[in-house]
Amino acid sequence: MSGWAWSSVDAIMSATFIETGTMSDLSIQQCIDCGAGEYGCSGAEAIECFEYLKTYALESSSDYPMTGWWDSCADRKDLGKVGIKTYNRLQSGSVEQMKASIAKGPTVVQIDGVDYPFTHYFGGIITDSTCGIMETHHALAVGYGVENGTNYFLLKNSWGVNWGENGYVRIAYDKDGPGICGVQVGPITFEIDMNPQ
């Protein structure tokens, strides 16, 4: 239920690697405890984590380790390593804006993660338009491509490597709009702050 925190922090770690060439191991638990308002592991939104990180920076996962449950916030500003300068939602439904954002780096997306065929995904490209568009789950859009004439977005999911294609899912796209499983509804882009105060 904390895919929102996982996708936010994983996106920030990826952006940090792109900028510095070094992969940092940052705290997902900090985002769950401190950036979720009243919801915690019961489901919040990535923008809540980003909003929190405009004031407080992420600590390393060794300084703020994963506990597996929602606890009281115990952040330490002196240990913060990476924050957020700005964040915003891209134009809803725009294929070109989504692709442009992914080309710059991993992009957080909100998708319908409770309906078939997403919940029963084992591989291939999801083309079934019966998948809903409710924003119930977060994932990380990391690429796009084409296979046998079908365009797709490549998403990294938080459910482990035994799910889907080694932890990834491909979702077809062909036009503007909410997209299959709502993948084009609410992508979020951001700018990291490597020198948080």
N, C-alpha and C. Protein backbone atom coordinates (compact mmCIF):
# COMPACT_ATOMS: atom_id res chain seq x y z
N MET A 1 0.81 -1.20 0.00
CA MET A 1 0.00 0.00 0.00
C MET A 1 0.85 1.27 0.00
N SER A 2 2.16 1.14 0.01
CA SER A 2 3.02 2.32 0.04
C SER A 2 3.74 2.51 -1.29
N GLY A 3 3.07 2.10 -2.38
CA GLY A 3 3.67 2.29 -3.71
C GLY A 3 3.92 3.75 -4.01
N TRP A 4 3.11 4.64 -3.43
CA TRP A 4 3.30 6.08 -3.62
C TRP A 4 4.66 6.53 -3.08
N ALA A 5 5.06 6.02 -1.92
CA ALA A 5 6.35 6.39 -1.32
C ALA A 5 7.49 5.72 -2.07
N TRP A 6 7.32 4.45 -2.41
CA TRP A 6 8.36 3.72 -3.14
C TRP A 6 8.65 4.41 -4.48
N SER A 7 7.60 4.74 -5.24
CA SER A 7 7.82 5.33 -6.56
C SER A 7 8.45 6.70 -6.45
N SER A 8 8.04 7.49 -5.45
CA SER A 8 8.62 8.83 -5.26
C SER A 8 10.11 8.74 -4.96
N VAL A 9 10.46 7.90 -4.00
CA VAL A 9 11.85 7.81 -3.57
C VAL A 9 12.71 7.15 -4.66
N ASP A 10 12.16 6.13 -5.33
CA ASP A 10 12.92 5.50 -6.41
C ASP A 10 13.18 6.49 -7.54
N ALA A 11 12.20 7.34 -7.84
CA ALA A 11 12.39 8.37 -8.86
C ALA A 11 13.48 9.35 -8.45
N ILE A 12 13.48 9.73 -7.18
CA ILE A 12 14.50 10.67 -6.69
C ILE A 12 15.88 10.03 -6.72
N MET A 13 15.98 8.76 -6.36
CA MET A 13 17.28 8.07 -6.43
C MET A 13 17.77 8.00 -7.87
N SER A 14 16.87 7.75 -8.80
CA SER A 14 17.25 7.69 -10.21
C SER A 14 17.71 9.06 -10.71
N ALA A 15 16.98 10.11 -10.32
CA ALA A 15 17.36 11.46 -10.73
C ALA A 15 18.71 11.84 -10.14
N THR A 16 18.97 11.41 -8.91
CA THR A 16 20.26 11.67 -8.27
C THR A 16 21.39 10.97 -9.02
N PHE A 17 21.13 9.73 -9.44
CA PHE A 17 22.13 8.99 -10.21
C PHE A 17 22.41 9.67 -11.54
N ILE A 18 21.37 10.13 -12.21
CA ILE A 18 21.55 10.82 -13.50
C ILE A 18 22.40 12.07 -13.32
N GLU A 19 22.21 12.78 -12.21
CA GLU A 19 22.94 14.03 -11.99
C GLU A 19 24.35 13.81 -11.48
N THR A 20 24.57 12.80 -10.64
CA THR A 20 25.86 12.65 -9.98
C THR A 20 26.66 11.44 -10.44
N GLY A 21 26.00 10.45 -11.04
CA GLY A 21 26.69 9.22 -11.42
C GLY A 21 26.80 8.24 -10.26
N THR A 22 26.23 8.58 -9.11
CA THR A 22 26.28 7.73 -7.93
C THR A 22 24.86 7.39 -7.49
N MET A 23 24.60 6.11 -7.25
CA MET A 23 23.28 5.69 -6.79
C MET A 23 23.21 5.78 -5.28
N SER A 24 22.32 6.62 -4.77
CA SER A 24 22.11 6.76 -3.34
C SER A 24 20.98 5.84 -2.89
N ASP A 25 21.09 5.31 -1.69
CA ASP A 25 20.05 4.47 -1.12
C ASP A 25 19.29 5.33 -0.11
N LEU A 26 18.15 5.88 -0.55
CA LEU A 26 17.43 6.84 0.28
C LEU A 26 16.23 6.19 0.97
N SER A 27 15.74 6.84 2.00
CA SER A 27 14.76 6.24 2.91
C SER A 27 13.32 6.35 2.40
N ILE A 28 12.72 5.20 2.11
CA ILE A 28 11.30 5.14 1.80
C ILE A 28 10.49 5.32 3.08
N GLN A 29 10.99 4.76 4.18
CA GLN A 29 10.28 4.83 5.45
C GLN A 29 10.07 6.28 5.90
N GLN A 30 11.04 7.13 5.66
CA GLN A 30 10.92 8.54 6.03
C GLN A 30 9.73 9.18 5.33
N CYS A 31 9.57 8.86 4.06
CA CYS A 31 8.44 9.41 3.31
C CYS A 31 7.12 8.89 3.85
N ILE A 32 7.08 7.61 4.22
CA ILE A 32 5.87 7.03 4.79
C ILE A 32 5.51 7.69 6.12
N ASP A 33 6.50 7.84 6.99
CA ASP A 33 6.25 8.38 8.32
C ASP A 33 5.94 9.88 8.31
N CYS A 34 6.67 10.60 7.47
CA CYS A 34 6.67 12.07 7.57
C CYS A 34 5.91 12.78 6.45
N GLY A 35 5.70 12.10 5.34
CA GLY A 35 5.13 12.79 4.19
C GLY A 35 3.75 12.32 3.79
N ALA A 36 3.07 11.58 4.65
CA ALA A 36 1.81 10.95 4.25
C ALA A 36 0.59 11.55 4.90
N GLY A 37 0.75 12.61 5.69
CA GLY A 37 -0.40 13.16 6.36
C GLY A 37 -1.01 12.12 7.29
N GLU A 38 -2.31 11.89 7.16
CA GLU A 38 -3.00 10.97 8.06
C GLU A 38 -3.14 9.57 7.49
N TYR A 39 -2.53 9.29 6.31
CA TYR A 39 -2.82 8.03 5.64
C TYR A 39 -1.73 6.97 5.80
N GLY A 40 -0.47 7.38 5.84
CA GLY A 40 0.61 6.42 6.00
C GLY A 40 0.58 5.31 4.97
N CYS A 41 0.75 4.09 5.43
CA CYS A 41 0.78 2.95 4.52
C CYS A 41 -0.59 2.64 3.92
N SER A 42 -1.64 3.28 4.40
CA SER A 42 -2.97 3.01 3.88
C SER A 42 -3.22 3.68 2.53
N GLY A 43 -2.25 4.41 2.04
CA GLY A 43 -2.37 4.97 0.71
C GLY A 43 -2.43 6.48 0.71
N ALA A 44 -1.36 7.10 0.29
CA ALA A 44 -1.30 8.54 0.13
C ALA A 44 -0.97 8.81 -1.34
N GLU A 45 -0.45 9.99 -1.64
CA GLU A 45 -0.07 10.31 -3.00
C GLU A 45 1.37 10.76 -3.05
N ALA A 46 2.00 10.53 -4.21
CA ALA A 46 3.40 10.90 -4.38
C ALA A 46 3.63 12.39 -4.15
N ILE A 47 2.66 13.22 -4.53
CA ILE A 47 2.86 14.65 -4.37
C ILE A 47 2.95 15.03 -2.90
N GLU A 48 2.40 14.22 -1.99
CA GLU A 48 2.54 14.50 -0.56
C GLU A 48 3.98 14.29 -0.11
N CYS A 49 4.62 13.28 -0.65
CA CYS A 49 6.03 13.05 -0.36
C CYS A 49 6.87 14.20 -0.93
N PHE A 50 6.57 14.60 -2.17
CA PHE A 50 7.32 15.69 -2.79
C PHE A 50 7.12 17.01 -2.04
N GLU A 51 5.90 17.27 -1.59
CA GLU A 51 5.63 18.49 -0.84
C GLU A 51 6.43 18.51 0.46
N TYR A 52 6.47 17.39 1.14
CA TYR A 52 7.27 17.28 2.37
C TYR A 52 8.74 17.54 2.08
N LEU A 53 9.22 17.04 0.94
CA LEU A 53 10.65 17.14 0.62
C LEU A 53 11.07 18.51 0.11
N LYS A 54 10.13 19.43 -0.01
CA LYS A 54 10.50 20.82 -0.29
C LYS A 54 11.03 21.49 0.97
N THR A 55 10.75 20.90 2.12
CA THR A 55 11.20 21.45 3.41
C THR A 55 12.24 20.57 4.08
N TYR A 56 12.02 19.25 4.01
CA TYR A 56 12.95 18.30 4.61
C TYR A 56 13.53 17.39 3.54
N ALA A 57 14.82 17.10 3.64
CA ALA A 57 15.47 16.25 2.65
C ALA A 57 15.44 14.79 3.09
N LEU A 58 15.51 13.90 2.11
CA LEU A 58 15.57 12.47 2.40
C LEU A 58 16.90 12.10 3.04
N GLU A 59 16.81 11.26 4.05
CA GLU A 59 17.99 10.68 4.67
C GLU A 59 18.31 9.36 3.98
N SER A 60 19.45 8.80 4.27
CA SER A 60 19.78 7.49 3.73
C SER A 60 18.92 6.44 4.42
N SER A 61 18.77 5.29 3.77
CA SER A 61 17.97 4.22 4.37
C SER A 61 18.66 3.63 5.60
N SER A 62 19.97 3.81 5.72
CA SER A 62 20.66 3.33 6.92
C SER A 62 20.41 4.27 8.10
N ASP A 63 20.25 5.56 7.83
CA ASP A 63 19.94 6.52 8.90
C ASP A 63 18.47 6.47 9.30
N TYR A 64 17.61 6.15 8.32
CA TYR A 64 16.17 6.08 8.59
C TYR A 64 15.67 4.78 7.95
N PRO A 65 15.88 3.64 8.64
CA PRO A 65 15.63 2.33 8.03
C PRO A 65 14.15 1.97 7.89
N MET A 66 13.86 1.04 7.00
CA MET A 66 12.51 0.53 6.79
C MET A 66 12.07 -0.30 7.98
N THR A 67 10.85 -0.07 8.45
CA THR A 67 10.29 -0.85 9.54
C THR A 67 9.14 -1.73 9.07
N GLY A 68 8.50 -1.34 7.96
CA GLY A 68 7.40 -2.14 7.44
C GLY A 68 6.04 -1.69 7.94
N TRP A 69 6.01 -0.61 8.74
CA TRP A 69 4.73 -0.08 9.18
C TRP A 69 4.85 1.44 9.31
N TRP A 70 3.70 2.09 9.43
CA TRP A 70 3.66 3.54 9.57
C TRP A 70 3.91 3.91 11.02
N ASP A 71 4.89 4.78 11.25
CA ASP A 71 5.26 5.17 12.60
C ASP A 71 5.31 6.69 12.68
N SER A 72 5.58 7.23 13.86
CA SER A 72 5.69 8.67 14.01
C SER A 72 6.96 9.16 13.31
N CYS A 73 6.89 10.37 12.80
CA CYS A 73 8.01 10.94 12.05
C CYS A 73 9.21 11.16 12.96
N ALA A 74 10.38 10.71 12.50
CA ALA A 74 11.61 10.87 13.29
C ALA A 74 12.73 11.41 12.42
N ASP A 75 12.39 12.35 11.50
CA ASP A 75 13.42 12.88 10.61
C ASP A 75 14.40 13.78 11.36
N ARG A 76 15.60 13.88 10.78
CA ARG A 76 16.64 14.76 11.32
C ARG A 76 17.17 15.60 10.16
N LYS A 77 16.94 16.89 10.26
CA LYS A 77 17.29 17.77 9.16
C LYS A 77 18.78 17.74 8.85
N ASP A 78 19.62 17.52 9.88
CA ASP A 78 21.06 17.52 9.67
C ASP A 78 21.54 16.29 8.89
N LEU A 79 20.68 15.27 8.76
CA LEU A 79 21.06 14.06 8.03
C LEU A 79 20.50 14.03 6.61
N GLY A 80 19.71 15.05 6.26
CA GLY A 80 19.09 15.08 4.94
C GLY A 80 20.11 15.19 3.81
N LYS A 81 19.87 14.44 2.74
CA LYS A 81 20.81 14.39 1.62
C LYS A 81 20.24 14.95 0.32
N VAL A 82 19.00 14.65 0.00
CA VAL A 82 18.39 15.09 -1.25
C VAL A 82 16.98 15.57 -0.99
N GLY A 83 16.68 16.77 -1.49
CA GLY A 83 15.34 17.32 -1.36
C GLY A 83 14.72 17.58 -2.72
N ILE A 84 13.65 18.34 -2.72
CA ILE A 84 12.92 18.68 -3.94
C ILE A 84 12.82 20.21 -4.04
N LYS A 85 13.17 20.74 -5.21
CA LYS A 85 12.99 22.17 -5.45
C LYS A 85 11.55 22.45 -5.89
N THR A 86 11.11 21.73 -6.90
CA THR A 86 9.76 21.92 -7.43
C THR A 86 9.22 20.58 -7.91
N TYR A 87 7.90 20.52 -8.04
CA TYR A 87 7.26 19.37 -8.67
C TYR A 87 5.98 19.86 -9.33
N ASN A 88 5.50 19.14 -10.31
CA ASN A 88 4.22 19.49 -10.92
C ASN A 88 3.67 18.32 -11.71
N ARG A 89 2.38 18.35 -11.90
CA ARG A 89 1.72 17.35 -12.74
C ARG A 89 1.82 17.79 -14.19
N LEU A 90 2.11 16.84 -15.06
CA LEU A 90 2.11 17.14 -16.48
C LEU A 90 0.68 17.27 -16.98
N GLN A 91 0.52 17.80 -18.17
CA GLN A 91 -0.81 17.91 -18.77
C GLN A 91 -1.44 16.53 -18.83
N SER A 92 -2.59 16.40 -18.22
CA SER A 92 -3.25 15.10 -18.17
C SER A 92 -3.60 14.60 -19.56
N GLY A 93 -3.18 13.36 -19.84
CA GLY A 93 -3.55 12.72 -21.08
C GLY A 93 -2.62 12.96 -22.25
N SER A 94 -1.56 13.71 -22.08
CA SER A 94 -0.68 14.03 -23.19
C SER A 94 0.42 12.98 -23.37
N VAL A 95 0.37 12.25 -24.47
CA VAL A 95 1.39 11.25 -24.77
C VAL A 95 2.75 11.91 -24.94
N GLU A 96 2.81 13.02 -25.67
CA GLU A 96 4.09 13.65 -25.96
C GLU A 96 4.75 14.20 -24.70
N GLN A 97 3.97 14.80 -23.80
CA GLN A 97 4.55 15.29 -22.55
C GLN A 97 5.04 14.14 -21.69
N MET A 98 4.32 13.05 -21.69
CA MET A 98 4.73 11.87 -20.94
C MET A 98 6.05 11.33 -21.48
N LYS A 99 6.15 11.19 -22.79
CA LYS A 99 7.37 10.68 -23.40
C LYS A 99 8.55 11.63 -23.15
N ALA A 100 8.31 12.94 -23.24
CA ALA A 100 9.37 13.92 -23.01
C ALA A 100 9.88 13.84 -21.58
N SER A 101 8.97 13.64 -20.63
CA SER A 101 9.36 13.53 -19.23
C SER A 101 10.18 12.27 -18.99
N ILE A 102 9.73 11.15 -19.56
CA ILE A 102 10.46 9.89 -19.39
C ILE A 102 11.85 9.98 -20.01
N ALA A 103 11.97 10.70 -21.12
CA ALA A 103 13.27 10.85 -21.77
C ALA A 103 14.27 11.57 -20.87
N LYS A 104 13.77 12.42 -19.97
CA LYS A 104 14.65 13.14 -19.04
C LYS A 104 14.99 12.29 -17.82
N GLY A 105 14.08 11.36 -17.47
CA GLY A 105 14.31 10.52 -16.30
C GLY A 105 13.03 9.85 -15.87
N PRO A 106 13.11 8.87 -14.96
CA PRO A 106 11.92 8.17 -14.49
C PRO A 106 10.84 9.13 -14.00
N THR A 107 9.59 8.82 -14.34
CA THR A 107 8.46 9.70 -14.05
C THR A 107 7.41 8.95 -13.23
N VAL A 108 6.98 9.53 -12.13
CA VAL A 108 5.97 8.90 -11.28
C VAL A 108 4.61 9.00 -11.98
N VAL A 109 3.90 7.87 -12.03
CA VAL A 109 2.56 7.85 -12.61
C VAL A 109 1.58 7.22 -11.63
N GLN A 110 0.33 7.64 -11.72
CA GLN A 110 -0.75 7.03 -10.94
C GLN A 110 -1.60 6.21 -11.89
N ILE A 111 -1.88 4.98 -11.50
CA ILE A 111 -2.59 4.06 -12.38
C ILE A 111 -3.66 3.31 -11.61
N ASP A 112 -4.51 2.61 -12.35
CA ASP A 112 -5.50 1.74 -11.74
C ASP A 112 -4.82 0.39 -11.48
N GLY A 113 -4.46 0.17 -10.24
CA GLY A 113 -3.72 -1.04 -9.90
C GLY A 113 -4.54 -2.10 -9.20
N VAL A 114 -5.88 -1.95 -9.22
CA VAL A 114 -6.72 -2.93 -8.53
C VAL A 114 -7.61 -3.71 -9.48
N ASP A 115 -7.57 -3.41 -10.75
CA ASP A 115 -8.45 -4.08 -11.71
C ASP A 115 -7.67 -4.99 -12.65
N TYR A 116 -8.40 -5.95 -13.22
CA TYR A 116 -7.85 -6.76 -14.31
C TYR A 116 -7.69 -5.83 -15.52
N PRO A 117 -6.61 -5.95 -16.31
CA PRO A 117 -5.61 -7.02 -16.29
C PRO A 117 -4.34 -6.71 -15.48
N PHE A 118 -4.28 -5.53 -14.86
CA PHE A 118 -3.04 -5.16 -14.16
C PHE A 118 -2.74 -6.12 -13.03
N THR A 119 -3.75 -6.46 -12.24
CA THR A 119 -3.52 -7.31 -11.07
C THR A 119 -3.12 -8.74 -11.44
N HIS A 120 -3.45 -9.17 -12.66
CA HIS A 120 -3.13 -10.52 -13.11
C HIS A 120 -2.06 -10.53 -14.20
N TYR A 121 -1.25 -9.50 -14.22
CA TYR A 121 -0.26 -9.36 -15.29
C TYR A 121 0.92 -10.31 -15.08
N PHE A 122 1.26 -11.03 -16.14
CA PHE A 122 2.41 -11.93 -16.12
C PHE A 122 3.45 -11.56 -17.17
N GLY A 123 3.05 -10.86 -18.22
CA GLY A 123 3.99 -10.49 -19.26
C GLY A 123 3.29 -10.00 -20.50
N GLY A 124 4.07 -9.46 -21.44
CA GLY A 124 3.52 -8.92 -22.66
C GLY A 124 3.11 -7.47 -22.49
N ILE A 125 2.33 -6.97 -23.43
CA ILE A 125 1.88 -5.58 -23.41
C ILE A 125 0.39 -5.55 -23.09
N ILE A 126 0.02 -4.82 -22.06
CA ILE A 126 -1.40 -4.67 -21.73
C ILE A 126 -2.05 -3.76 -22.77
N THR A 127 -3.01 -4.32 -23.49
CA THR A 127 -3.74 -3.55 -24.49
C THR A 127 -5.24 -3.52 -24.19
N ASP A 128 -5.64 -4.17 -23.11
CA ASP A 128 -7.05 -4.31 -22.76
C ASP A 128 -7.59 -3.00 -22.20
N SER A 129 -8.45 -2.36 -22.94
CA SER A 129 -8.99 -1.06 -22.52
C SER A 129 -10.02 -1.19 -21.41
N THR A 130 -10.36 -2.41 -20.98
CA THR A 130 -11.30 -2.56 -19.87
C THR A 130 -10.63 -2.28 -18.53
N CYS A 131 -9.32 -2.19 -18.52
CA CYS A 131 -8.62 -1.78 -17.30
C CYS A 131 -9.13 -0.39 -16.91
N GLY A 132 -9.40 -0.17 -15.63
CA GLY A 132 -9.98 1.09 -15.19
C GLY A 132 -9.00 2.25 -15.25
N ILE A 133 -9.47 3.42 -14.86
CA ILE A 133 -8.61 4.61 -14.86
C ILE A 133 -8.58 5.29 -13.50
N MET A 134 -9.07 4.59 -12.46
CA MET A 134 -9.00 5.15 -11.11
C MET A 134 -7.55 5.18 -10.64
N GLU A 135 -7.14 6.27 -10.00
CA GLU A 135 -5.76 6.41 -9.56
C GLU A 135 -5.59 5.75 -8.19
N THR A 136 -5.37 4.43 -8.22
CA THR A 136 -5.32 3.66 -6.98
C THR A 136 -3.90 3.20 -6.61
N HIS A 137 -2.95 3.38 -7.51
CA HIS A 137 -1.61 2.83 -7.31
C HIS A 137 -0.60 3.73 -8.01
N HIS A 138 0.62 3.74 -7.50
CA HIS A 138 1.71 4.50 -8.13
C HIS A 138 2.76 3.55 -8.68
N ALA A 139 3.35 3.94 -9.78
CA ALA A 139 4.47 3.19 -10.36
C ALA A 139 5.42 4.19 -10.99
N LEU A 140 6.49 3.68 -11.56
CA LEU A 140 7.53 4.54 -12.12
C LEU A 140 7.67 4.25 -13.61
N ALA A 141 7.33 5.24 -14.44
CA ALA A 141 7.51 5.10 -15.89
C ALA A 141 8.98 5.34 -16.22
N VAL A 142 9.64 4.32 -16.76
CA VAL A 142 11.08 4.39 -16.97
C VAL A 142 11.49 4.33 -18.44
N GLY A 143 10.53 4.10 -19.33
CA GLY A 143 10.89 4.02 -20.74
C GLY A 143 9.66 3.86 -21.61
N TYR A 144 9.89 3.84 -22.91
CA TYR A 144 8.82 3.56 -23.87
C TYR A 144 9.44 2.93 -25.10
N GLY A 145 8.63 2.20 -25.84
CA GLY A 145 9.16 1.51 -27.02
C GLY A 145 8.03 1.03 -27.90
N VAL A 146 8.38 0.14 -28.82
CA VAL A 146 7.38 -0.43 -29.74
C VAL A 146 7.74 -1.87 -30.00
N GLU A 147 6.75 -2.74 -30.01
CA GLU A 147 6.96 -4.14 -30.31
C GLU A 147 5.85 -4.61 -31.25
N ASN A 148 6.25 -5.12 -32.39
CA ASN A 148 5.28 -5.60 -33.40
C ASN A 148 4.20 -4.58 -33.70
N GLY A 149 4.62 -3.32 -33.79
CA GLY A 149 3.70 -2.25 -34.14
C GLY A 149 2.90 -1.68 -33.00
N THR A 150 3.06 -2.19 -31.79
CA THR A 150 2.32 -1.70 -30.62
C THR A 150 3.24 -0.82 -29.77
N ASN A 151 2.87 0.44 -29.60
CA ASN A 151 3.62 1.35 -28.74
C ASN A 151 3.31 1.05 -27.28
N TYR A 152 4.32 1.16 -26.43
CA TYR A 152 4.07 0.90 -25.01
C TYR A 152 4.95 1.77 -24.12
N PHE A 153 4.43 2.01 -22.92
CA PHE A 153 5.22 2.60 -21.84
C PHE A 153 5.72 1.46 -20.96
N LEU A 154 6.96 1.57 -20.49
CA LEU A 154 7.54 0.59 -19.59
C LEU A 154 7.51 1.15 -18.17
N LEU A 155 6.85 0.42 -17.26
CA LEU A 155 6.71 0.85 -15.88
C LEU A 155 7.40 -0.13 -14.94
N LYS A 156 8.07 0.43 -13.95
CA LYS A 156 8.64 -0.37 -12.87
C LYS A 156 7.65 -0.35 -11.72
N ASN A 157 7.31 -1.53 -11.22
CA ASN A 157 6.33 -1.63 -10.15
C ASN A 157 7.02 -1.95 -8.82
N SER A 158 6.31 -1.78 -7.73
CA SER A 158 6.90 -1.97 -6.39
C SER A 158 6.62 -3.34 -5.81
N TRP A 159 6.08 -4.27 -6.63
CA TRP A 159 5.64 -5.56 -6.10
C TRP A 159 6.70 -6.66 -6.21
N GLY A 160 7.93 -6.30 -6.49
CA GLY A 160 9.01 -7.28 -6.50
C GLY A 160 9.25 -7.90 -7.86
N VAL A 161 10.40 -8.56 -7.99
CA VAL A 161 10.83 -9.10 -9.29
C VAL A 161 10.05 -10.34 -9.72
N ASN A 162 9.29 -10.93 -8.82
CA ASN A 162 8.49 -12.10 -9.19
C ASN A 162 7.15 -11.72 -9.82
N TRP A 163 6.86 -10.43 -9.87
CA TRP A 163 5.63 -9.95 -10.49
C TRP A 163 5.93 -9.47 -11.91
N GLY A 164 5.02 -9.75 -12.84
CA GLY A 164 5.15 -9.22 -14.21
C GLY A 164 6.42 -9.68 -14.89
N GLU A 165 7.06 -8.77 -15.60
CA GLU A 165 8.30 -9.06 -16.30
C GLU A 165 9.47 -8.61 -15.43
N ASN A 166 9.83 -9.45 -14.46
CA ASN A 166 10.90 -9.13 -13.51
C ASN A 166 10.65 -7.82 -12.78
N GLY A 167 9.38 -7.58 -12.43
CA GLY A 167 9.02 -6.37 -11.69
C GLY A 167 8.55 -5.22 -12.57
N TYR A 168 8.52 -5.43 -13.87
CA TYR A 168 8.12 -4.38 -14.81
C TYR A 168 6.83 -4.78 -15.53
N VAL A 169 6.15 -3.77 -16.09
CA VAL A 169 4.94 -3.99 -16.87
C VAL A 169 4.98 -3.06 -18.08
N ARG A 170 4.49 -3.56 -19.20
CA ARG A 170 4.38 -2.74 -20.41
C ARG A 170 2.90 -2.45 -20.67
N ILE A 171 2.59 -1.17 -20.83
CA ILE A 171 1.21 -0.74 -21.07
C ILE A 171 1.15 0.01 -22.39
N ALA A 172 0.25 -0.41 -23.27
CA ALA A 172 0.16 0.17 -24.61
C ALA A 172 -0.35 1.61 -24.56
N TYR A 173 0.08 2.39 -25.55
CA TYR A 173 -0.48 3.73 -25.76
C TYR A 173 -0.60 3.97 -27.26
N ASP A 174 -1.58 4.79 -27.64
CA ASP A 174 -1.70 5.13 -29.06
C ASP A 174 -2.28 6.51 -29.30
N LYS A 175 -2.82 7.15 -28.26
CA LYS A 175 -3.40 8.48 -28.46
C LYS A 175 -3.51 9.20 -27.12
N ASP A 176 -3.77 10.50 -27.17
CA ASP A 176 -3.96 11.27 -25.96
C ASP A 176 -5.24 10.81 -25.25
N GLY A 177 -5.29 11.10 -23.96
CA GLY A 177 -6.43 10.68 -23.15
C GLY A 177 -5.92 10.00 -21.89
N PRO A 178 -6.82 9.42 -21.11
CA PRO A 178 -6.38 8.79 -19.85
C PRO A 178 -5.42 7.61 -20.04
N GLY A 179 -5.52 6.96 -21.18
CA GLY A 179 -4.65 5.82 -21.45
C GLY A 179 -5.13 4.56 -20.76
N ILE A 180 -4.56 3.44 -21.15
CA ILE A 180 -4.92 2.16 -20.54
C ILE A 180 -4.46 2.13 -19.09
N CYS A 181 -5.35 1.71 -18.21
CA CYS A 181 -5.12 1.70 -16.76
C CYS A 181 -4.87 3.10 -16.21
N GLY A 182 -5.25 4.14 -16.98
CA GLY A 182 -5.09 5.51 -16.53
C GLY A 182 -3.65 5.98 -16.49
N VAL A 183 -2.76 5.32 -17.24
CA VAL A 183 -1.32 5.61 -17.15
C VAL A 183 -0.98 7.04 -17.54
N GLN A 184 -1.84 7.70 -18.34
CA GLN A 184 -1.54 9.05 -18.80
C GLN A 184 -2.30 10.13 -18.03
N VAL A 185 -2.99 9.74 -16.95
CA VAL A 185 -3.85 10.70 -16.25
C VAL A 185 -3.05 11.70 -15.43
N GLY A 186 -2.12 11.22 -14.60
CA GLY A 186 -1.49 12.15 -13.65
C GLY A 186 0.00 11.99 -13.47
N PRO A 187 0.80 11.98 -14.55
CA PRO A 187 2.25 11.87 -14.37
C PRO A 187 2.81 13.10 -13.64
N ILE A 188 3.84 12.87 -12.83
CA ILE A 188 4.41 13.92 -12.00
C ILE A 188 5.89 14.08 -12.33
N THR A 189 6.31 15.29 -12.56
CA THR A 189 7.71 15.59 -12.80
C THR A 189 8.24 16.45 -11.65
N PHE A 190 9.54 16.50 -11.46
CA PHE A 190 10.11 17.19 -10.31
C PHE A 190 11.56 17.58 -10.59
N GLU A 191 12.09 18.45 -9.74
CA GLU A 191 13.50 18.84 -9.79
C GLU A 191 14.11 18.60 -8.43
N ILE A 192 15.19 17.85 -8.38
CA ILE A 192 15.81 17.54 -7.10
C ILE A 192 16.68 18.69 -6.60
N ASP A 193 16.92 18.71 -5.31
CA ASP A 193 17.79 19.69 -4.65
C ASP A 193 18.91 18.91 -3.98
N MET A 194 20.11 19.00 -4.57
CA MET A 194 21.25 18.27 -4.03
C MET A 194 21.93 18.99 -2.88
N ASN A 195 21.50 20.22 -2.60
CA ASN A 195 22.11 21.00 -1.50
C ASN A 195 21.02 21.55 -0.59
N PRO A 196 20.26 20.65 0.03
CA PRO A 196 19.18 21.13 0.90
C PRO A 196 19.73 21.83 2.14
N GLN A 197 19.01 22.83 2.59
CA GLN A 197 19.44 23.60 3.76
C GLN A 197 18.87 22.99 5.04
